[in-house]
């Protein structure tokens, strides 16, 4: 082989090896970028699954509550409770007024 041809082969191999190394470096960077993206997606998927779990729990709770009472029945029950609380307040006030009148009458009666 002539020395020029041997030199050209070495130059071409050196250039080819540089190109191969550059391509390997680029592919490695792409691989690392894709790996980070996959990791980020896995994290997001975990968050979504957690939200789905919470939604499933809420659906089960709603189903259980719906079996006990409907929203209109719950509103009616709350209205009745409110009326009972008002009645209790009025009756306690009336009882206190009557007790005060009775005590005042007995005190006045014992004085004379």
N, C-alpha and C. Protein backbone atom coordinates (compact mmCIF):
# COMPACT_ATOMS: atom_id res chain seq x y z
N UNK A 1 0.83 -1.18 0.00
CA UNK A 1 0.00 0.00 0.00
C UNK A 1 0.88 1.25 0.00
N UNK A 2 0.48 2.21 -0.79
CA UNK A 2 1.26 3.44 -0.80
C UNK A 2 1.04 4.20 0.50
N UNK A 3 1.99 4.97 0.94
CA UNK A 3 1.87 5.71 2.19
C UNK A 3 0.72 6.71 2.17
N UNK A 4 0.39 7.29 1.03
CA UNK A 4 -0.72 8.24 0.97
C UNK A 4 -2.05 7.56 1.27
N UNK A 5 -2.23 6.40 0.71
CA UNK A 5 -3.46 5.65 0.92
C UNK A 5 -3.59 5.25 2.38
N UNK A 6 -2.51 4.85 2.99
CA UNK A 6 -2.51 4.49 4.41
C UNK A 6 -2.85 5.71 5.26
N UNK A 7 -2.33 6.86 4.90
CA UNK A 7 -2.61 8.11 5.64
C UNK A 7 -4.08 8.49 5.48
N UNK A 8 -4.61 8.35 4.29
CA UNK A 8 -6.02 8.64 4.03
C UNK A 8 -6.93 7.72 4.83
N UNK A 9 -6.54 6.45 4.91
CA UNK A 9 -7.33 5.50 5.69
C UNK A 9 -7.34 5.89 7.17
N UNK A 10 -6.17 6.30 7.67
CA UNK A 10 -6.10 6.72 9.08
C UNK A 10 -6.95 7.97 9.30
N UNK A 11 -6.85 8.94 8.38
CA UNK A 11 -7.66 10.16 8.50
C UNK A 11 -9.14 9.84 8.40
N UNK A 12 -9.47 8.96 7.46
CA UNK A 12 -10.89 8.62 7.31
C UNK A 12 -11.38 7.85 8.54
N UNK A 13 -10.54 6.97 9.09
CA UNK A 13 -10.96 6.25 10.31
C UNK A 13 -11.07 7.21 11.48
N UNK A 14 -10.17 8.14 11.61
CA UNK A 14 -10.22 9.13 12.69
C UNK A 14 -11.48 9.97 12.56
N UNK A 15 -11.75 10.42 11.35
CA UNK A 15 -12.97 11.22 11.13
C UNK A 15 -14.22 10.39 11.39
N UNK A 16 -14.21 9.16 10.92
CA UNK A 16 -15.36 8.28 11.14
C UNK A 16 -15.56 8.01 12.63
N UNK A 17 -14.49 7.77 13.37
CA UNK A 17 -14.62 7.50 14.80
C UNK A 17 -15.13 8.75 15.53
N UNK A 18 -14.70 9.96 15.10
CA UNK A 18 -15.24 11.19 15.70
C UNK A 18 -16.73 11.30 15.44
N UNK A 19 -17.14 11.04 14.22
CA UNK A 19 -18.58 11.11 13.89
C UNK A 19 -19.37 10.08 14.70
N UNK A 20 -18.83 8.88 14.83
CA UNK A 20 -19.51 7.83 15.61
C UNK A 20 -19.62 8.25 17.06
N UNK A 21 -18.53 8.80 17.61
CA UNK A 21 -18.56 9.26 19.01
C UNK A 21 -19.54 10.41 19.19
N UNK A 22 -19.58 11.33 18.25
CA UNK A 22 -20.54 12.45 18.33
C UNK A 22 -21.97 11.92 18.28
N UNK A 23 -22.20 10.96 17.40
CA UNK A 23 -23.54 10.38 17.29
C UNK A 23 -23.92 9.63 18.57
N UNK A 24 -22.98 8.89 19.14
CA UNK A 24 -23.23 8.18 20.40
C UNK A 24 -23.53 9.17 21.52
N UNK A 25 -22.80 10.28 21.53
CA UNK A 25 -23.05 11.31 22.56
C UNK A 25 -24.45 11.90 22.39
N UNK A 26 -24.82 12.20 21.14
CA UNK A 26 -26.15 12.74 20.87
C UNK A 26 -27.24 11.74 21.27
N UNK A 27 -27.04 10.48 20.93
CA UNK A 27 -28.01 9.45 21.27
C UNK A 27 -28.11 9.28 22.80
N UNK A 28 -26.99 9.37 23.49
CA UNK A 28 -27.00 9.26 24.95
C UNK A 28 -27.77 10.43 25.57
N UNK A 29 -27.56 11.64 25.03
CA UNK A 29 -28.31 12.80 25.53
C UNK A 29 -29.81 12.63 25.30
N UNK A 30 -30.16 12.14 24.12
CA UNK A 30 -31.58 11.88 23.84
C UNK A 30 -32.14 10.83 24.78
N UNK A 31 -31.36 9.78 25.03
CA UNK A 31 -31.79 8.72 25.93
C UNK A 31 -32.01 9.29 27.33
N UNK A 32 -31.09 10.11 27.82
CA UNK A 32 -31.23 10.69 29.16
C UNK A 32 -32.43 11.62 29.22
N UNK A 33 -32.66 12.39 28.16
CA UNK A 33 -33.82 13.28 28.11
C UNK A 33 -35.11 12.47 28.13
N UNK A 34 -35.16 11.40 27.35
CA UNK A 34 -36.35 10.54 27.33
C UNK A 34 -36.55 9.87 28.69
N UNK A 35 -35.46 9.48 29.32
CA UNK A 35 -35.54 8.84 30.64
C UNK A 35 -36.12 9.82 31.66
N UNK A 36 -35.68 11.10 31.60
CA UNK A 36 -36.25 12.11 32.50
C UNK A 36 -37.74 12.31 32.23
N UNK A 37 -38.09 12.36 30.95
CA UNK A 37 -39.51 12.52 30.58
C UNK A 37 -40.35 11.36 31.09
N UNK A 38 -39.84 10.16 30.95
CA UNK A 38 -40.57 8.98 31.44
C UNK A 38 -40.73 9.06 32.95
N UNK A 39 -39.68 9.48 33.64
CA UNK A 39 -39.74 9.62 35.11
C UNK A 39 -40.79 10.67 35.49
N UNK A 40 -40.80 11.80 34.78
CA UNK A 40 -41.79 12.85 35.05
C UNK A 40 -43.20 12.34 34.80
N UNK A 41 -43.38 11.61 33.71
CA UNK A 41 -44.70 11.05 33.40
C UNK A 41 -45.14 10.05 34.46
N UNK A 42 -44.19 9.26 34.94
CA UNK A 42 -44.53 8.29 35.99
C UNK A 42 -44.97 9.02 37.26
N UNK A 43 -44.31 10.11 37.59
CA UNK A 43 -44.70 10.90 38.77
C UNK A 43 -46.10 11.47 38.59
N UNK A 44 -46.36 12.03 37.40
CA UNK A 44 -47.67 12.59 37.13
C UNK A 44 -48.75 11.50 37.16
N UNK A 45 -48.43 10.34 36.63
CA UNK A 45 -49.38 9.24 36.64
C UNK A 45 -49.70 8.81 38.07
N UNK A 46 -48.70 8.83 38.93
CA UNK A 46 -48.92 8.50 40.34
C UNK A 46 -49.87 9.50 40.97
N UNK A 47 -49.68 10.78 40.66
CA UNK A 47 -50.58 11.82 41.18
C UNK A 47 -52.00 11.62 40.67
N UNK A 48 -52.14 11.30 39.40
CA UNK A 48 -53.47 11.08 38.82
C UNK A 48 -54.14 9.88 39.47
N UNK A 49 -53.38 8.83 39.71
CA UNK A 49 -53.95 7.65 40.37
C UNK A 49 -54.41 7.98 41.78
N UNK A 50 -53.66 8.84 42.47
CA UNK A 50 -54.06 9.25 43.82
C UNK A 50 -55.37 10.03 43.76
N UNK A 51 -55.51 10.89 42.77
CA UNK A 51 -56.75 11.67 42.62
C UNK A 51 -57.90 10.72 42.29
N UNK A 52 -57.66 9.75 41.44
CA UNK A 52 -58.70 8.77 41.11
C UNK A 52 -59.14 8.03 42.36
N UNK A 53 -58.19 7.70 43.21
CA UNK A 53 -58.52 6.99 44.45
C UNK A 53 -59.43 7.85 45.33
N UNK A 54 -59.10 9.13 45.42
CA UNK A 54 -59.94 10.04 46.21
C UNK A 54 -61.33 10.16 45.59
N UNK A 55 -61.40 10.24 44.28
CA UNK A 55 -62.69 10.33 43.60
C UNK A 55 -63.50 9.06 43.84
N UNK A 56 -62.85 7.91 43.78
CA UNK A 56 -63.55 6.64 44.05
C UNK A 56 -64.09 6.62 45.48
N UNK A 57 -63.28 7.10 46.43
CA UNK A 57 -63.73 7.15 47.83
C UNK A 57 -64.94 8.07 47.97
N UNK A 58 -64.91 9.21 47.30
CA UNK A 58 -66.05 10.14 47.35
C UNK A 58 -67.30 9.54 46.72
N UNK A 59 -67.11 8.82 45.64
CA UNK A 59 -68.26 8.17 45.00
C UNK A 59 -68.86 7.11 45.93
N UNK A 60 -68.02 6.34 46.59
CA UNK A 60 -68.52 5.34 47.53
C UNK A 60 -69.25 6.02 48.69
N UNK A 61 -68.68 7.13 49.21
CA UNK A 61 -69.32 7.86 50.30
C UNK A 61 -70.67 8.40 49.85
N UNK A 62 -70.73 8.98 48.66
CA UNK A 62 -71.99 9.52 48.14
C UNK A 62 -73.03 8.42 47.99
N UNK A 63 -72.58 7.27 47.51
CA UNK A 63 -73.50 6.14 47.35
C UNK A 63 -74.04 5.71 48.71
N UNK A 64 -73.16 5.64 49.71
CA UNK A 64 -73.59 5.25 51.06
C UNK A 64 -74.55 6.27 51.64
N UNK A 65 -74.27 7.55 51.45
CA UNK A 65 -75.15 8.60 51.97
C UNK A 65 -76.48 8.57 51.23
N UNK A 66 -76.44 8.34 49.94
CA UNK A 66 -77.68 8.30 49.15
C UNK A 66 -78.57 7.15 49.59
N UNK A 67 -77.96 6.06 50.04
CA UNK A 67 -78.76 4.94 50.52
C UNK A 67 -79.45 5.28 51.84
N UNK A 68 -78.84 6.13 52.64
CA UNK A 68 -79.41 6.50 53.93
C UNK A 68 -80.49 7.54 53.75
N UNK A 69 -80.17 8.63 53.05
CA UNK A 69 -81.13 9.71 52.85
C UNK A 69 -80.77 10.47 51.59
N UNK A 70 -81.82 10.94 50.93
CA UNK A 70 -81.59 11.75 49.74
C UNK A 70 -81.30 13.19 50.17
N UNK A 71 -80.79 14.01 49.29
CA UNK A 71 -80.52 15.40 49.65
C UNK A 71 -81.77 16.16 50.11
N UNK A 72 -82.91 15.88 49.50
CA UNK A 72 -84.14 16.56 49.93
C UNK A 72 -84.55 16.09 51.32
N UNK A 73 -84.36 14.79 51.60
CA UNK A 73 -84.68 14.29 52.94
C UNK A 73 -83.76 14.91 53.98
N UNK A 74 -82.49 15.07 53.64
CA UNK A 74 -81.56 15.71 54.57
C UNK A 74 -81.95 17.16 54.81
N UNK A 75 -82.38 17.88 53.77
CA UNK A 75 -82.80 19.27 53.94
C UNK A 75 -84.04 19.35 54.82
N UNK A 76 -84.98 18.45 54.60
CA UNK A 76 -86.19 18.43 55.44
C UNK A 76 -85.82 18.15 56.89
N UNK A 77 -84.91 17.23 57.13
CA UNK A 77 -84.50 16.91 58.49
C UNK A 77 -83.84 18.12 59.14
N UNK A 78 -83.00 18.83 58.40
CA UNK A 78 -82.36 20.03 58.94
C UNK A 78 -83.39 21.12 59.25
N UNK A 79 -84.41 21.24 58.39
CA UNK A 79 -85.48 22.22 58.66
C UNK A 79 -86.23 21.85 59.94
N UNK A 80 -86.52 20.57 60.13
CA UNK A 80 -87.21 20.13 61.35
C UNK A 80 -86.35 20.40 62.58
N UNK A 81 -85.05 20.14 62.47
CA UNK A 81 -84.15 20.41 63.60
C UNK A 81 -84.15 21.89 63.92
N UNK A 82 -84.14 22.73 62.91
CA UNK A 82 -84.16 24.18 63.13
C UNK A 82 -85.45 24.59 63.83
N UNK A 83 -86.59 24.02 63.41
CA UNK A 83 -87.87 24.34 64.05
C UNK A 83 -87.88 23.87 65.51
N UNK A 84 -87.32 22.68 65.76
CA UNK A 84 -87.25 22.18 67.13
C UNK A 84 -86.36 23.05 68.01
N UNK A 85 -85.27 23.55 67.46
CA UNK A 85 -84.41 24.44 68.23
C UNK A 85 -85.13 25.75 68.56
N UNK A 86 -85.88 26.26 67.61
CA UNK A 86 -86.66 27.48 67.86
C UNK A 86 -87.71 27.22 68.93
N UNK A 87 -88.42 26.09 68.83
CA UNK A 87 -89.42 25.74 69.83
C UNK A 87 -88.79 25.61 71.22
N UNK A 88 -87.65 24.98 71.30
CA UNK A 88 -86.96 24.81 72.58
C UNK A 88 -86.61 26.17 73.19
N UNK A 89 -86.13 27.08 72.36
CA UNK A 89 -85.77 28.41 72.86
C UNK A 89 -87.01 29.14 73.37
N UNK A 90 -88.08 29.08 72.62
CA UNK A 90 -89.33 29.76 73.02
C UNK A 90 -89.88 29.13 74.30
N UNK A 91 -89.93 27.80 74.35
CA UNK A 91 -90.51 27.14 75.53
C UNK A 91 -89.65 27.38 76.78
N UNK A 92 -88.33 27.39 76.62
CA UNK A 92 -87.46 27.67 77.77
C UNK A 92 -87.67 29.09 78.25
N UNK A 93 -87.83 30.03 77.33
CA UNK A 93 -88.07 31.42 77.70
C UNK A 93 -89.40 31.56 78.42
N UNK A 94 -90.43 30.94 77.91
CA UNK A 94 -91.75 31.00 78.55
C UNK A 94 -91.69 30.38 79.94
N UNK A 95 -91.02 29.23 80.06
CA UNK A 95 -90.89 28.58 81.37
C UNK A 95 -90.17 29.49 82.36
N UNK A 96 -89.10 30.17 81.91
CA UNK A 96 -88.37 31.07 82.79
C UNK A 96 -89.24 32.25 83.22
N UNK A 97 -90.03 32.78 82.31
CA UNK A 97 -90.92 33.91 82.64
C UNK A 97 -91.97 33.45 83.64
N UNK A 98 -92.55 32.28 83.41
CA UNK A 98 -93.58 31.77 84.34
C UNK A 98 -92.96 31.52 85.71
N UNK A 99 -91.78 30.95 85.77
CA UNK A 99 -91.11 30.72 87.05
C UNK A 99 -90.86 32.05 87.78
N UNK A 100 -90.45 33.06 87.03
CA UNK A 100 -90.21 34.38 87.63
C UNK A 100 -91.50 34.95 88.19
N UNK A 101 -92.59 34.81 87.46
CA UNK A 101 -93.90 35.31 87.92
C UNK A 101 -94.34 34.56 89.17
N UNK A 102 -94.17 33.22 89.17
CA UNK A 102 -94.58 32.41 90.32
C UNK A 102 -93.75 32.80 91.55
N UNK A 103 -92.46 32.96 91.38
CA UNK A 103 -91.59 33.34 92.51
C UNK A 103 -91.98 34.72 93.01
N UNK A 104 -92.24 35.64 92.08
CA UNK A 104 -92.63 37.00 92.49
C UNK A 104 -93.97 36.94 93.23
N UNK A 105 -94.93 36.14 92.78
CA UNK A 105 -96.24 36.03 93.43
C UNK A 105 -96.08 35.44 94.83
N UNK A 106 -95.28 34.35 94.93
CA UNK A 106 -95.10 33.73 96.25
C UNK A 106 -94.38 34.68 97.21
N UNK A 107 -93.44 35.40 96.70
CA UNK A 107 -92.72 36.36 97.54
C UNK A 107 -93.68 37.46 97.98
N UNK A 108 -94.48 37.98 97.10
CA UNK A 108 -95.44 39.03 97.42
C UNK A 108 -96.50 38.50 98.38
N UNK A 109 -96.97 37.27 98.20
CA UNK A 109 -97.99 36.66 99.05
C UNK A 109 -97.45 36.49 100.45
N UNK A 110 -96.18 36.03 100.60
CA UNK A 110 -95.59 35.84 101.93
C UNK A 110 -95.34 37.16 102.64
N UNK A 111 -95.20 38.23 101.94
CA UNK A 111 -94.97 39.54 102.55
C UNK A 111 -96.27 40.06 103.17
N UNK A 112 -97.38 39.77 102.66
CA UNK A 112 -98.65 40.31 103.17
C UNK A 112 -99.50 39.24 103.70
